[in-house]
Amino acid sequence: MKKHILPYIAIIMILGSLFSCAYFNDSDNKVIQLACDTTNEHPAPLLSTLISKIEYIPLETNDTTLGDYWDAVVTDKYIVTATSTGCHVFLRKNGAFIRTIGMKGDQGALGYSSFTSPLYVINNRVLLKRNKELILFSVEDGTLLRKITMEEEEERHTYDDMIPLNDTTMIIYSHNQTGENEYNLQIRTFSGEVLKTVPASNRFERIDKTARVSFNNECVFYNYGSNIYMREFTCDTIYKIDASMNLIPYYSLELGDKLPPANSREEWKSYYLRFGKIIETKRYLILSETGVTSSDARFGFIYDKVSGETKYLNHIKDGIGFTNDLDGFINFWPIKSRGNETQEIWQMIQAEDLLQQASSKQTEYPFLESIHEEDNPIIIIGTTI
């Protein structure tokens, strides 16, 4: 094991304590200022400025798959979902149900207790959680590939967010669920070996110790090109983690007094801003309020790389997302992406919300005739320009 770990240690020693909000000066990098605090409200951009192709994939509804849908990942062949009834796999081309991965809530060999956040799918493998174990399944045939024991320090709590760096290592971010757990990030191998523990910027302490406290999306990761990006919700900076494991300040949101303080959660202000989804494309950086589906988001910011302008969007006023001038169906607000500069990006919309928005267009889109309000979500996939 040591001979495999040493190269990683040599690379990641440069990380140090750079995951804090303190400015790390990189002479070759110019931080892009977004000025979110001072931008004005704008109408949504046209969808044709974001994508060139759009697809609508209704996920098959049956007794096995019906439930609450929390997350979805699109691959070349499949759509892998995290739901209240299990990890269900559908065909990418038409949404037909293929299989359920593992057995949610079961104590047997194929059992697991919860999903990773975000749902962790790479190279047609999905990673699920059971206590201190991570269980790797094949999406292709549902077989169990291996179990990974994640050693945790005494009195530590669940590692909540995971994102792959490559085929051998991952970043894990731990939330402060009880108000006592010190935030940190860890870089680990898939075999469970800790390569690096990095202090994060949040240092919340909770006065009332009688109840659990949880803020979702305390840290958000996203992929763009060959790099991974991350942002903590008490930090103005989005950091780029490049292929050499350098941590570089890349965007400054400039939220002003809308940025939650890093050392107190006792007096939460209604005007504080948190982003649950961040996506970057060749033209846009898209930030939206936390939400399971696109229809949950109430506001968002879009940074246009061409014009250098940041725009604030109020979804309650304007409807959800980019104005659809491609096929005139419904507006589009992506929640996830995959690929490099030419990407697939997608949103997950509830059947009821889709039917409300498309009530006058059933003759143009025959698949709507077979959808009912209580059905599973529809995945809308766009190919970026």
Protein backbone atom coordinates (compact mmCIF):
# COMPACT_ATOMS: atom_id res chain seq x y z
CA MET A 1 0.00 0.00 0.00
CA LYS A 2 2.79 2.44 0.90
CA LYS A 3 4.33 2.48 -2.55
CA HIS A 4 0.92 3.46 -3.98
CA ILE A 5 0.36 6.18 -1.40
CA LEU A 6 3.71 7.96 -1.58
CA PRO A 7 3.17 9.59 -5.02
CA TYR A 8 -0.16 10.98 -3.85
CA ILE A 9 1.36 12.34 -0.65
CA ALA A 10 4.08 14.10 -2.62
CA ILE A 11 1.48 15.75 -4.80
CA ILE A 12 -1.05 16.78 -2.17
CA MET A 13 1.41 18.21 0.36
CA ILE A 14 1.01 21.47 -1.56
CA LEU A 15 -2.58 21.69 -0.34
CA GLY A 16 -1.68 22.58 3.24
CA SER A 17 -4.49 24.55 4.78
CA LEU A 18 -5.61 26.16 1.55
CA PHE A 19 -9.23 25.09 1.93
CA SER A 20 -9.84 28.13 4.12
CA CYS A 21 -11.20 31.39 2.76
CA ALA A 22 -7.85 33.07 3.17
CA TYR A 23 -6.57 34.29 -0.19
CA PHE A 24 -3.99 32.03 -1.80
CA ASN A 25 -1.97 34.09 -4.21
CA ASP A 26 -1.29 32.40 -7.54
CA SER A 27 0.59 34.67 -9.92
CA ASP A 28 -0.80 32.89 -13.00
CA ASN A 29 -4.40 33.10 -11.85
CA LYS A 30 -6.71 36.09 -11.87
CA VAL A 31 -9.73 35.72 -9.62
CA ILE A 32 -12.95 36.52 -11.49
CA GLN A 33 -15.12 38.96 -9.54
CA LEU A 34 -18.86 38.23 -9.86
CA ALA A 35 -20.32 41.15 -7.84
CA CYS A 36 -23.42 39.16 -6.84
CA ASP A 37 -24.26 41.67 -4.09
CA THR A 38 -24.66 44.58 -6.49
CA THR A 39 -26.09 42.95 -9.62
CA ASN A 40 -29.62 43.80 -10.72
CA GLU A 41 -32.50 41.47 -11.45
CA HIS A 42 -32.66 40.38 -15.10
CA PRO A 43 -34.97 38.30 -17.28
CA ALA A 44 -33.68 34.83 -18.04
CA PRO A 45 -31.34 34.40 -21.04
CA LEU A 46 -32.45 32.48 -24.12
CA LEU A 47 -31.92 28.73 -23.98
CA SER A 48 -30.19 28.80 -27.38
CA THR A 49 -27.28 30.63 -25.73
CA LEU A 50 -26.74 27.61 -23.46
CA ILE A 51 -27.57 24.44 -25.40
CA SER A 52 -28.03 23.27 -28.98
CA LYS A 53 -30.11 20.13 -28.34
CA ILE A 54 -32.75 19.16 -25.79
CA GLU A 55 -34.28 15.78 -24.87
CA TYR A 56 -37.16 14.79 -22.58
CA ILE A 57 -36.81 11.41 -20.82
CA PRO A 58 -39.77 10.34 -18.62
CA LEU A 59 -38.59 7.82 -16.02
CA GLU A 60 -40.75 4.70 -16.05
CA THR A 61 -43.22 4.55 -13.18
CA ASN A 62 -44.12 1.17 -11.68
CA ASP A 63 -44.61 -0.39 -8.25
CA THR A 64 -40.84 -0.72 -7.81
CA THR A 65 -39.70 2.71 -8.93
CA LEU A 66 -42.46 4.97 -7.60
CA GLY A 67 -41.19 7.24 -4.82
CA ASP A 68 -39.48 10.50 -3.96
CA TYR A 69 -36.53 11.26 -6.26
CA TRP A 70 -33.56 13.06 -4.70
CA ASP A 71 -30.76 12.89 -7.26
CA ALA A 72 -30.00 11.64 -10.77
CA VAL A 73 -26.83 11.06 -12.79
CA VAL A 74 -26.84 10.68 -16.59
CA THR A 75 -24.26 8.42 -18.27
CA ASP A 76 -23.85 7.32 -21.90
CA LYS A 77 -26.27 4.42 -21.46
CA TYR A 78 -28.07 4.93 -18.16
CA ILE A 79 -29.81 7.31 -15.78
CA VAL A 80 -28.94 6.35 -12.19
CA THR A 81 -31.22 7.71 -9.47
CA ALA A 82 -31.28 8.08 -5.69
CA THR A 83 -34.83 7.68 -4.41
CA SER A 84 -36.83 6.89 -1.29
CA THR A 85 -37.37 3.34 -2.60
CA GLY A 86 -33.83 2.56 -3.74
CA CYS A 87 -31.13 3.15 -6.33
CA HIS A 88 -32.99 2.66 -9.61
CA VAL A 89 -31.36 2.47 -13.06
CA PHE A 90 -33.15 3.51 -16.25
CA LEU A 91 -32.16 3.43 -19.92
CA ARG A 92 -30.71 6.73 -21.08
CA LYS A 93 -32.45 6.59 -24.47
CA ASN A 94 -36.05 6.21 -23.30
CA GLY A 95 -36.27 6.08 -19.49
CA ALA A 96 -37.22 2.39 -19.36
CA PHE A 97 -36.60 0.80 -15.95
CA ILE A 98 -33.66 -1.65 -15.98
CA ARG A 99 -32.86 -2.68 -12.41
CA THR A 100 -32.60 -1.67 -8.77
CA ILE A 101 -29.08 -1.61 -7.32
CA GLY A 102 -28.62 -3.29 -3.93
CA MET A 103 -31.25 -3.41 -1.20
CA LYS A 104 -31.92 -0.14 0.62
CA GLY A 105 -32.30 -0.59 4.38
CA ASP A 106 -31.42 -4.28 4.29
CA GLN A 107 -28.77 -5.80 6.58
CA GLY A 108 -27.79 -8.52 4.11
CA ALA A 109 -24.77 -8.68 1.81
CA LEU A 110 -26.35 -6.36 -0.78
CA GLY A 111 -27.84 -3.97 1.76
CA TYR A 112 -27.01 -0.29 2.20
CA SER A 113 -28.37 2.50 4.37
CA SER A 114 -28.04 5.71 2.35
CA PHE A 115 -26.67 7.44 -0.72
CA THR A 116 -23.59 9.55 -1.13
CA SER A 117 -24.16 13.26 -1.64
CA PRO A 118 -23.94 14.01 -4.48
CA LEU A 119 -24.86 10.61 -5.94
CA TYR A 120 -21.50 9.08 -6.79
CA VAL A 121 -21.46 7.43 -10.23
CA ILE A 122 -18.28 7.01 -12.27
CA ASN A 123 -17.35 4.55 -15.03
CA ASN A 124 -20.71 2.77 -14.64
CA ARG A 125 -20.10 2.13 -10.96
CA VAL A 126 -22.22 3.56 -8.14
CA LEU A 127 -21.05 4.02 -4.55
CA LEU A 128 -23.55 3.52 -1.70
CA LYS A 129 -23.14 3.84 2.09
CA ARG A 130 -23.69 1.51 5.03
CA ASN A 131 -22.46 2.76 8.41
CA LYS A 132 -18.66 2.95 8.04
CA GLU A 133 -18.66 1.06 4.75
CA LEU A 134 -18.83 2.27 1.18
CA ILE A 135 -20.22 -0.35 -1.18
CA LEU A 136 -19.34 -0.25 -4.88
CA PHE A 137 -21.88 -1.74 -7.30
CA SER A 138 -21.84 -2.24 -11.06
CA VAL A 139 -24.49 -0.20 -12.84
CA GLU A 140 -24.26 -2.59 -15.82
CA ASP A 141 -25.50 -5.70 -14.02
CA GLY A 142 -26.06 -4.70 -10.37
CA THR A 143 -23.33 -6.92 -8.97
CA LEU A 144 -21.44 -5.98 -5.82
CA LEU A 145 -17.86 -5.13 -6.81
CA ARG A 146 -16.29 -4.45 -3.43
CA LYS A 147 -16.72 -2.98 0.04
CA ILE A 148 -14.55 -0.19 1.39
CA THR A 149 -14.19 0.34 5.14
CA MET A 150 -13.94 4.03 5.97
CA GLU A 151 -12.14 4.39 9.29
CA GLU A 152 -13.49 7.35 11.27
CA GLU A 153 -11.88 9.16 14.18
CA GLU A 154 -13.52 8.78 17.60
CA GLU A 155 -16.70 10.86 17.96
CA ARG A 156 -16.63 11.88 14.31
CA HIS A 157 -19.84 11.86 12.35
CA THR A 158 -20.85 10.74 8.89
CA TYR A 159 -18.88 11.94 5.90
CA ASP A 160 -21.57 13.62 3.88
CA ASP A 161 -20.23 14.83 0.53
CA MET A 162 -17.99 12.83 -1.77
CA ILE A 163 -16.61 13.54 -5.22
CA PRO A 164 -14.09 11.50 -7.24
CA LEU A 165 -10.74 13.00 -8.12
CA ASN A 166 -9.77 10.07 -10.34
CA ASP A 167 -10.09 6.28 -10.40
CA THR A 168 -8.17 5.86 -7.13
CA THR A 169 -8.92 8.85 -4.91
CA MET A 170 -11.85 10.94 -3.68
CA ILE A 171 -12.53 14.13 -1.71
CA ILE A 172 -14.80 13.73 1.32
CA TYR A 173 -16.39 16.66 3.16
CA SER A 174 -17.84 16.30 6.66
CA HIS A 175 -20.80 18.42 7.79
CA ASN A 176 -21.24 19.90 11.26
CA GLN A 177 -24.46 18.06 12.09
CA THR A 178 -24.32 18.43 15.88
CA GLY A 179 -22.54 21.76 16.24
CA GLU A 180 -19.59 19.94 17.80
CA ASN A 181 -17.95 18.34 14.77
CA GLU A 182 -15.08 20.37 13.36
CA TYR A 183 -15.40 20.73 9.62
CA ASN A 184 -12.72 19.26 7.44
CA LEU A 185 -12.04 17.75 4.08
CA GLN A 186 -10.19 14.53 3.50
CA ILE A 187 -8.49 13.09 0.47
CA ARG A 188 -8.77 9.31 0.52
CA THR A 189 -8.07 6.33 -1.68
CA PHE A 190 -10.90 4.00 -2.64
CA SER A 191 -9.34 1.47 -0.29
CA GLY A 192 -10.05 3.85 2.61
CA GLU A 193 -6.52 5.13 3.20
CA VAL A 194 -6.43 8.77 4.39
CA LEU A 195 -3.94 10.73 2.31
CA LYS A 196 -4.65 14.21 3.63
CA THR A 197 -6.92 15.95 6.13
CA VAL A 198 -7.51 19.62 5.36
CA PRO A 199 -9.20 22.10 7.74
CA ALA A 200 -12.10 23.93 6.15
CA SER A 201 -13.24 27.49 6.80
CA ASN A 202 -16.48 26.86 8.71
CA ARG A 203 -16.16 26.73 12.49
CA PHE A 204 -19.74 26.74 13.73
CA GLU A 205 -20.38 26.20 17.42
CA ARG A 206 -23.91 25.58 18.64
CA ILE A 207 -25.06 26.77 22.06
CA ASP A 208 -28.10 24.49 22.27
CA LYS A 209 -26.74 20.93 22.46
CA THR A 210 -30.09 19.17 22.80
CA ALA A 211 -30.99 18.87 19.11
CA ARG A 212 -29.25 18.09 15.87
CA VAL A 213 -28.65 20.99 13.52
CA SER A 214 -28.19 20.52 9.79
CA PHE A 215 -27.64 22.90 6.92
CA ASN A 216 -27.74 21.20 3.54
CA ASN A 217 -25.13 22.05 0.93
CA GLU A 218 -22.51 23.31 3.36
CA CYS A 219 -20.03 22.51 0.61
CA VAL A 220 -20.77 22.26 -3.11
CA PHE A 221 -18.51 20.48 -5.60
CA TYR A 222 -18.80 20.53 -9.37
CA ASN A 223 -16.77 19.34 -12.37
CA TYR A 224 -15.78 21.40 -15.37
CA GLY A 225 -13.20 20.25 -17.90
CA SER A 226 -10.49 18.26 -16.17
CA ASN A 227 -10.84 20.17 -12.89
CA ILE A 228 -12.99 19.96 -9.79
CA TYR A 229 -14.33 23.12 -8.17
CA MET A 230 -15.60 23.62 -4.62
CA ARG A 231 -17.24 26.26 -2.47
CA GLU A 232 -18.21 26.33 1.22
CA PHE A 233 -21.38 28.24 1.99
CA THR A 234 -19.65 30.66 4.40
CA CYS A 235 -16.93 31.46 1.86
CA ASP A 236 -17.03 33.99 -0.98
CA THR A 237 -14.54 32.01 -3.04
CA ILE A 238 -14.99 29.16 -5.51
CA TYR A 239 -11.74 27.19 -5.64
CA LYS A 240 -10.43 25.26 -8.62
CA ILE A 241 -8.64 21.99 -7.87
CA ASP A 242 -6.54 21.28 -10.94
CA ALA A 243 -5.09 18.02 -12.24
CA SER A 244 -1.90 18.57 -10.21
CA MET A 245 -3.96 18.96 -7.02
CA ASN A 246 -3.29 22.68 -6.71
CA LEU A 247 -6.07 24.63 -4.98
CA ILE A 248 -6.57 27.95 -6.73
CA PRO A 249 -9.09 30.76 -6.00
CA TYR A 250 -11.04 31.08 -9.23
CA TYR A 251 -14.29 33.00 -8.67
CA SER A 252 -15.17 35.52 -5.97
CA LEU A 253 -18.94 35.74 -5.51
CA GLU A 254 -18.81 39.06 -3.62
CA LEU A 255 -22.00 38.40 -1.65
CA GLY A 256 -21.39 41.24 0.81
CA ASP A 257 -23.65 41.08 3.87
CA LYS A 258 -25.58 38.21 2.22
CA LEU A 259 -22.66 35.87 2.99
CA PRO A 260 -23.38 33.76 6.12
CA PRO A 261 -20.77 34.28 8.87
CA ALA A 262 -18.30 31.44 9.41
CA ASN A 263 -18.38 31.39 13.22
CA SER A 264 -22.03 31.63 14.28
CA ARG A 265 -25.32 30.08 13.23
CA GLU A 266 -27.42 31.36 16.14
CA GLU A 267 -28.93 34.33 14.30
CA TRP A 268 -29.60 33.19 10.76
CA LYS A 269 -30.75 36.07 8.55
CA SER A 270 -33.39 35.57 5.89
CA TYR A 271 -31.30 37.46 3.33
CA TYR A 272 -28.27 35.16 3.59
CA LEU A 273 -27.64 33.35 0.31
CA ARG A 274 -26.79 29.66 -0.08
CA PHE A 275 -26.32 27.80 -3.33
CA GLY A 276 -27.15 24.11 -3.59
CA LYS A 277 -26.22 23.64 -7.24
CA ILE A 278 -23.33 25.10 -9.22
CA ILE A 279 -22.74 24.28 -12.89
CA GLU A 280 -20.18 25.68 -15.30
CA THR A 281 -20.35 25.52 -19.09
CA LYS A 282 -18.26 27.05 -21.85
CA ARG A 283 -20.30 30.25 -21.66
CA TYR A 284 -21.97 30.36 -18.24
CA LEU A 285 -21.42 29.85 -14.53
CA ILE A 286 -24.85 28.97 -13.08
CA LEU A 287 -25.56 29.15 -9.34
CA SER A 288 -28.94 28.25 -7.88
CA GLU A 289 -30.57 28.05 -4.50
CA THR A 290 -30.51 24.68 -2.80
CA GLY A 291 -33.18 22.29 -4.00
CA VAL A 292 -33.68 18.66 -4.96
CA THR A 293 -35.14 19.44 -8.37
CA SER A 294 -35.02 22.45 -10.64
CA SER A 295 -38.55 23.39 -9.63
CA ASP A 296 -37.45 23.73 -5.99
CA ALA A 297 -35.07 26.60 -6.75
CA ARG A 298 -36.44 30.09 -6.09
CA PHE A 299 -33.56 32.17 -7.36
CA GLY A 300 -30.27 31.95 -9.18
CA PHE A 301 -27.29 33.87 -10.49
CA ILE A 302 -25.78 33.51 -13.95
CA TYR A 303 -22.32 34.77 -14.85
CA ASP A 304 -21.94 35.29 -18.61
CA LYS A 305 -18.30 34.70 -19.60
CA VAL A 306 -18.83 36.44 -22.94
CA SER A 307 -20.20 39.73 -21.59
CA GLY A 308 -18.53 39.52 -18.17
CA GLU A 309 -21.91 40.31 -16.59
CA THR A 310 -23.55 38.65 -13.58
CA LYS A 311 -27.35 38.43 -13.66
CA TYR A 312 -29.80 37.74 -10.85
CA LEU A 313 -32.86 35.66 -11.76
CA ASN A 314 -36.03 35.54 -9.69
CA HIS A 315 -37.70 32.24 -10.58
CA ILE A 316 -40.91 33.10 -8.78
CA LYS A 317 -41.46 35.97 -11.21
CA ASP A 318 -39.95 34.54 -14.38
CA GLY A 319 -40.69 30.83 -14.18
CA ILE A 320 -37.95 28.26 -13.99
CA GLY A 321 -34.79 28.82 -15.96
CA PHE A 322 -33.56 29.79 -19.40
CA THR A 323 -36.32 30.90 -21.80
CA ASN A 324 -36.89 28.02 -24.22
CA ASP A 325 -36.53 29.37 -27.75
CA LEU A 326 -35.38 25.99 -29.12
CA ASP A 327 -38.68 24.12 -29.19
CA GLY A 328 -40.90 26.48 -27.20
CA PHE A 329 -41.81 23.75 -24.72
CA ILE A 330 -40.78 24.57 -21.14
CA ASN A 331 -37.98 26.61 -19.65
CA PHE A 332 -34.76 24.87 -18.58
CA TRP A 333 -32.70 25.15 -15.40
CA PRO A 334 -29.87 22.59 -15.12
CA ILE A 335 -28.91 21.01 -11.81
CA LYS A 336 -26.04 18.74 -12.94
CA SER A 337 -23.52 18.23 -15.72
CA ARG A 338 -21.00 15.78 -17.13
CA GLY A 339 -18.27 15.95 -19.74
CA ASN A 340 -15.79 18.64 -20.62
CA GLU A 341 -16.40 21.94 -22.43
CA THR A 342 -19.03 20.29 -24.62
CA GLN A 343 -21.25 18.83 -21.96
CA GLU A 344 -24.54 17.24 -21.22
CA ILE A 345 -26.42 19.14 -18.56
CA TRP A 346 -29.76 18.12 -17.12
CA GLN A 347 -32.60 18.98 -14.84
CA MET A 348 -35.06 16.74 -13.01
CA ILE A 349 -38.61 18.07 -13.03
CA GLN A 350 -41.62 16.63 -11.22
CA ALA A 351 -44.36 15.24 -13.47
CA GLU A 352 -46.95 17.54 -11.89
CA ASP A 353 -44.81 20.63 -12.57
CA LEU A 354 -44.17 19.57 -16.16
CA LEU A 355 -47.85 19.01 -16.86
CA GLN A 356 -48.77 22.40 -15.41
CA GLN A 357 -46.25 24.17 -17.64
CA ALA A 358 -47.12 22.14 -20.75
CA SER A 359 -50.91 21.98 -20.45
CA SER A 360 -51.51 23.37 -23.96
CA LYS A 361 -48.87 21.34 -25.80
CA GLN A 362 -49.93 17.71 -25.48
CA THR A 363 -50.57 17.36 -29.21
CA GLU A 364 -47.00 18.48 -30.01
CA TYR A 365 -45.40 16.14 -27.44
CA PRO A 366 -47.26 12.80 -27.48
CA PHE A 367 -45.31 11.43 -24.50
CA LEU A 368 -47.28 13.85 -22.30
CA GLU A 369 -50.45 11.82 -22.89
CA SER A 370 -49.03 8.91 -20.88
CA ILE A 371 -47.78 11.01 -17.94
CA HIS A 372 -49.81 11.49 -14.76
CA GLU A 373 -49.24 14.00 -11.96
CA GLU A 374 -48.12 11.32 -9.48
CA ASP A 375 -45.59 9.73 -11.87
CA ASN A 376 -41.82 9.73 -11.53
CA PRO A 377 -39.85 12.80 -12.63
CA ILE A 378 -38.84 13.65 -16.18
CA ILE A 379 -35.15 14.16 -16.93
CA ILE A 380 -34.53 16.99 -19.40
CA ILE A 381 -31.07 16.75 -20.99
CA GLY A 382 -29.35 19.52 -22.94
CA THR A 383 -26.13 19.43 -24.98
CA THR A 384 -24.18 22.64 -24.44
CA ILE A 385 -22.89 24.78 -27.27
